Amino acid sequence: MNAIRTILISLALFVSTAISAGPLTPGLVVAISDGDTITLLTEDKRQIKIRLVGIDTPEKKQAFGSKARDHLASRIFKQDVEVDLRKKDQYGRHLGVIYIGGVDINQSMIQDGYAWFYKHYAKEQPKEEALRYAKAEQDARAKQKGLWADPNPVPPWEFRKEAKEEARAAKAASSYRF
């Protein structure tokens, strides 16, 4: 049993480092903004905001938003991590995969039921990574972990869209005069 466990752990470590797109950036996690955004203090003392690639967690005002943030914090806050930085998004945040002890934290957030696999951007991920993330979501759903315990969880992209539409409608209503 121990031999099988050792082999599985070694395989997981190999797979998570084998798919890395480039050199890993080490640093200390100094802030958790929400369930999918952190601030990393690099070895050269730069602070960089990182959006966890391939996942989307509930918004702060959404069901499970605080729980997702707290879960991420429990895993990596004030911890030394390594980040596979990919590119920057339209808000200037770096997109990356967070590793601690060789474990893909982005995937763990999905697996533990605190994030959706962000399928919309799957084509920008290595195929093996996207497949692992999709499988992690499927497993979390089947086990009703975290947000999947809710009978009708609302994906964050739909929540954001509804919030924008409500804000537009409220603005239009306030500008209407008799």
Protein backbone atom coordinates (compact mmCIF):
# COMPACT_ATOMS: atom_id res chain seq x y z
CA MET A 1 0.00 0.00 0.00
CA ASN A 2 2.81 2.43 0.88
CA ALA A 3 4.63 1.59 -2.35
CA ILE A 4 1.52 2.40 -4.40
CA ARG A 5 1.02 5.66 -2.47
CA THR A 6 4.67 6.64 -3.08
CA ILE A 7 4.33 5.89 -6.80
CA LEU A 8 1.11 7.93 -7.05
CA ILE A 9 2.66 10.90 -5.24
CA SER A 10 5.75 10.72 -7.44
CA LEU A 11 3.58 10.54 -10.56
CA ALA A 12 1.51 13.55 -9.43
CA LEU A 13 4.67 15.56 -8.80
CA PHE A 14 6.09 14.58 -12.18
CA VAL A 15 2.88 15.43 -14.04
CA SER A 16 2.45 18.82 -12.35
CA THR A 17 6.02 19.88 -13.08
CA ALA A 18 6.18 18.25 -16.52
CA ILE A 19 3.41 20.46 -17.92
CA SER A 20 4.95 23.69 -16.73
CA ALA A 21 5.33 26.10 -19.62
CA GLY A 22 8.61 27.55 -18.39
CA PRO A 23 10.73 28.24 -15.34
CA LEU A 24 8.78 28.54 -12.10
CA THR A 25 8.78 31.84 -10.20
CA PRO A 26 9.25 31.30 -6.46
CA GLY A 27 7.79 33.64 -3.88
CA LEU A 28 5.76 34.18 -0.74
CA VAL A 29 1.99 34.62 -0.87
CA VAL A 30 1.35 37.91 0.95
CA ALA A 31 -2.33 38.53 0.07
CA ILE A 32 -5.42 36.66 -1.05
CA SER A 33 -7.84 38.97 -2.88
CA ASP A 34 -10.47 36.33 -3.56
CA GLY A 35 -10.67 32.65 -4.43
CA ASP A 36 -8.67 33.01 -7.64
CA THR A 37 -6.41 36.06 -7.17
CA ILE A 38 -3.33 36.41 -4.95
CA THR A 39 -0.36 38.72 -4.43
CA LEU A 40 3.09 37.14 -4.56
CA LEU A 41 6.23 38.67 -3.08
CA THR A 42 9.06 37.49 -5.33
CA GLU A 43 12.61 36.76 -4.18
CA ASP A 44 13.69 40.15 -5.59
CA LYS A 45 11.00 41.83 -3.41
CA ARG A 46 8.53 42.67 -6.21
CA GLN A 47 4.84 42.22 -5.53
CA ILE A 48 2.87 40.75 -8.40
CA LYS A 49 -0.86 40.13 -8.62
CA ILE A 50 -1.63 36.68 -9.97
CA ARG A 51 -4.95 35.36 -11.29
CA LEU A 52 -5.10 31.57 -11.04
CA VAL A 53 -5.40 30.39 -14.64
CA GLY A 54 -7.99 27.85 -15.73
CA ILE A 55 -10.37 28.37 -12.81
CA ASP A 56 -13.12 30.76 -11.81
CA THR A 57 -14.35 31.01 -8.23
CA PRO A 58 -17.54 32.55 -6.90
CA GLU A 59 -17.51 36.34 -6.53
CA LYS A 60 -17.19 37.83 -3.03
CA LYS A 61 -20.93 38.67 -2.87
CA GLN A 62 -21.91 35.30 -4.29
CA ALA A 63 -22.67 32.08 -2.39
CA PHE A 64 -19.37 30.34 -1.58
CA GLY A 65 -17.33 33.46 -2.48
CA SER A 66 -15.97 33.90 1.05
CA LYS A 67 -15.53 30.16 1.49
CA ALA A 68 -13.48 29.95 -1.73
CA ARG A 69 -11.23 32.81 -0.57
CA ASP A 70 -10.84 31.26 2.88
CA HIS A 71 -10.05 27.84 1.41
CA LEU A 72 -7.35 29.28 -0.85
CA ALA A 73 -5.92 31.22 2.10
CA SER A 74 -5.82 28.07 4.24
CA ARG A 75 -3.74 26.37 1.55
CA ILE A 76 -1.23 29.05 0.54
CA PHE A 77 -1.40 32.30 2.58
CA LYS A 78 2.05 33.16 4.01
CA GLN A 79 3.44 30.08 2.26
CA ASP A 80 6.36 29.78 -0.12
CA VAL A 81 5.04 28.75 -3.52
CA GLU A 82 6.18 28.43 -7.11
CA VAL A 83 4.22 29.94 -9.97
CA ASP A 84 4.14 28.99 -13.61
CA LEU A 85 3.49 32.46 -15.05
CA ARG A 86 1.73 32.36 -18.42
CA LYS A 87 0.77 35.87 -19.58
CA LYS A 88 -1.04 39.01 -18.40
CA ASP A 89 -4.79 39.54 -18.61
CA GLN A 90 -6.66 42.70 -19.66
CA TYR A 91 -6.46 43.99 -16.05
CA GLY A 92 -2.67 43.70 -15.89
CA ARG A 93 -2.68 40.64 -13.64
CA HIS A 94 -0.31 37.78 -14.35
CA LEU A 95 -2.05 34.50 -15.14
CA GLY A 96 -0.43 31.49 -13.58
CA VAL A 97 -0.59 28.09 -11.96
CA ILE A 98 0.35 28.01 -8.27
CA TYR A 99 2.34 25.05 -6.93
CA ILE A 100 3.09 24.23 -3.32
CA GLY A 101 5.10 21.11 -2.66
CA GLY A 102 4.56 20.12 -6.30
CA VAL A 103 0.75 20.24 -5.94
CA ASP A 104 -1.25 22.24 -8.50
CA ILE A 105 -3.32 24.54 -6.27
CA ASN A 106 -5.52 25.70 -9.17
CA GLN A 107 -6.58 22.10 -9.71
CA SER A 108 -7.01 21.60 -5.95
CA MET A 109 -9.47 24.51 -5.81
CA ILE A 110 -11.60 22.74 -8.43
CA GLN A 111 -11.15 19.32 -6.83
CA ASP A 112 -12.18 20.62 -3.39
CA GLY A 113 -15.36 22.16 -4.81
CA TYR A 114 -14.43 25.86 -4.57
CA ALA A 115 -13.95 26.65 -8.26
CA TRP A 116 -15.24 25.93 -11.72
CA PHE A 117 -12.95 24.81 -14.49
CA TYR A 118 -12.96 27.95 -16.69
CA LYS A 119 -13.77 26.15 -19.95
CA HIS A 120 -14.00 29.39 -21.90
CA TYR A 121 -10.19 29.70 -21.76
CA ALA A 122 -9.36 25.98 -21.99
CA LYS A 123 -7.80 26.37 -25.44
CA GLU A 124 -5.16 28.64 -23.87
CA GLN A 125 -4.06 25.87 -21.49
CA PRO A 126 -1.91 22.83 -22.18
CA LYS A 127 -4.32 20.05 -23.20
CA GLU A 128 -3.29 17.72 -20.33
CA GLU A 129 -3.91 20.48 -17.80
CA ALA A 130 -7.36 21.31 -19.22
CA LEU A 131 -8.28 17.61 -19.13
CA ARG A 132 -7.17 17.31 -15.48
CA TYR A 133 -9.16 20.42 -14.52
CA ALA A 134 -12.28 19.14 -16.33
CA LYS A 135 -11.96 15.78 -14.57
CA ALA A 136 -11.46 17.50 -11.20
CA GLU A 137 -14.72 19.44 -11.69
CA GLN A 138 -16.56 16.32 -12.77
CA ASP A 139 -15.36 14.49 -9.62
CA ALA A 140 -16.22 17.40 -7.28
CA ARG A 141 -19.72 17.63 -8.81
CA ALA A 142 -20.27 13.88 -8.41
CA LYS A 143 -19.19 14.02 -4.75
CA GLN A 144 -21.17 17.25 -4.15
CA LYS A 145 -18.10 18.90 -2.65
CA GLY A 146 -18.14 22.56 -1.66
CA LEU A 147 -20.26 24.69 -3.98
CA TRP A 148 -21.58 21.55 -5.67
CA ALA A 149 -23.62 20.83 -2.51
CA ASP A 150 -25.83 23.73 -3.66
CA PRO A 151 -28.65 22.37 -5.85
CA ASN A 152 -28.23 25.23 -8.37
CA PRO A 153 -24.79 26.81 -8.18
CA VAL A 154 -24.47 29.91 -10.36
CA PRO A 155 -21.22 30.12 -12.33
CA PRO A 156 -19.35 33.36 -11.57
CA TRP A 157 -19.37 34.47 -15.23
CA GLU A 158 -23.19 34.31 -15.18
CA PHE A 159 -23.31 36.12 -11.81
CA ARG A 160 -21.10 38.91 -13.21
CA LYS A 161 -23.23 39.17 -16.36
CA GLU A 162 -26.46 39.42 -14.32
CA ALA A 163 -24.89 42.07 -12.04
CA LYS A 164 -23.87 44.16 -15.09
CA GLU A 165 -27.36 43.88 -16.58
CA GLU A 166 -28.96 44.90 -13.27
CA ALA A 167 -26.61 47.89 -12.98
CA ARG A 168 -27.45 48.96 -16.55
CA ALA A 169 -31.17 48.64 -15.88
CA ALA A 170 -30.89 50.63 -12.64
CA LYS A 171 -28.94 53.37 -14.42
CA ALA A 172 -31.48 53.52 -17.23
CA ALA A 173 -34.36 53.66 -14.74
CA SER A 174 -32.71 56.47 -12.76
CA SER A 175 -32.19 58.55 -15.90
CA TYR A 176 -35.81 58.20 -17.00
CA ARG A 177 -37.77 61.38 -16.26
CA PHE A 178 -41.46 62.13 -16.34
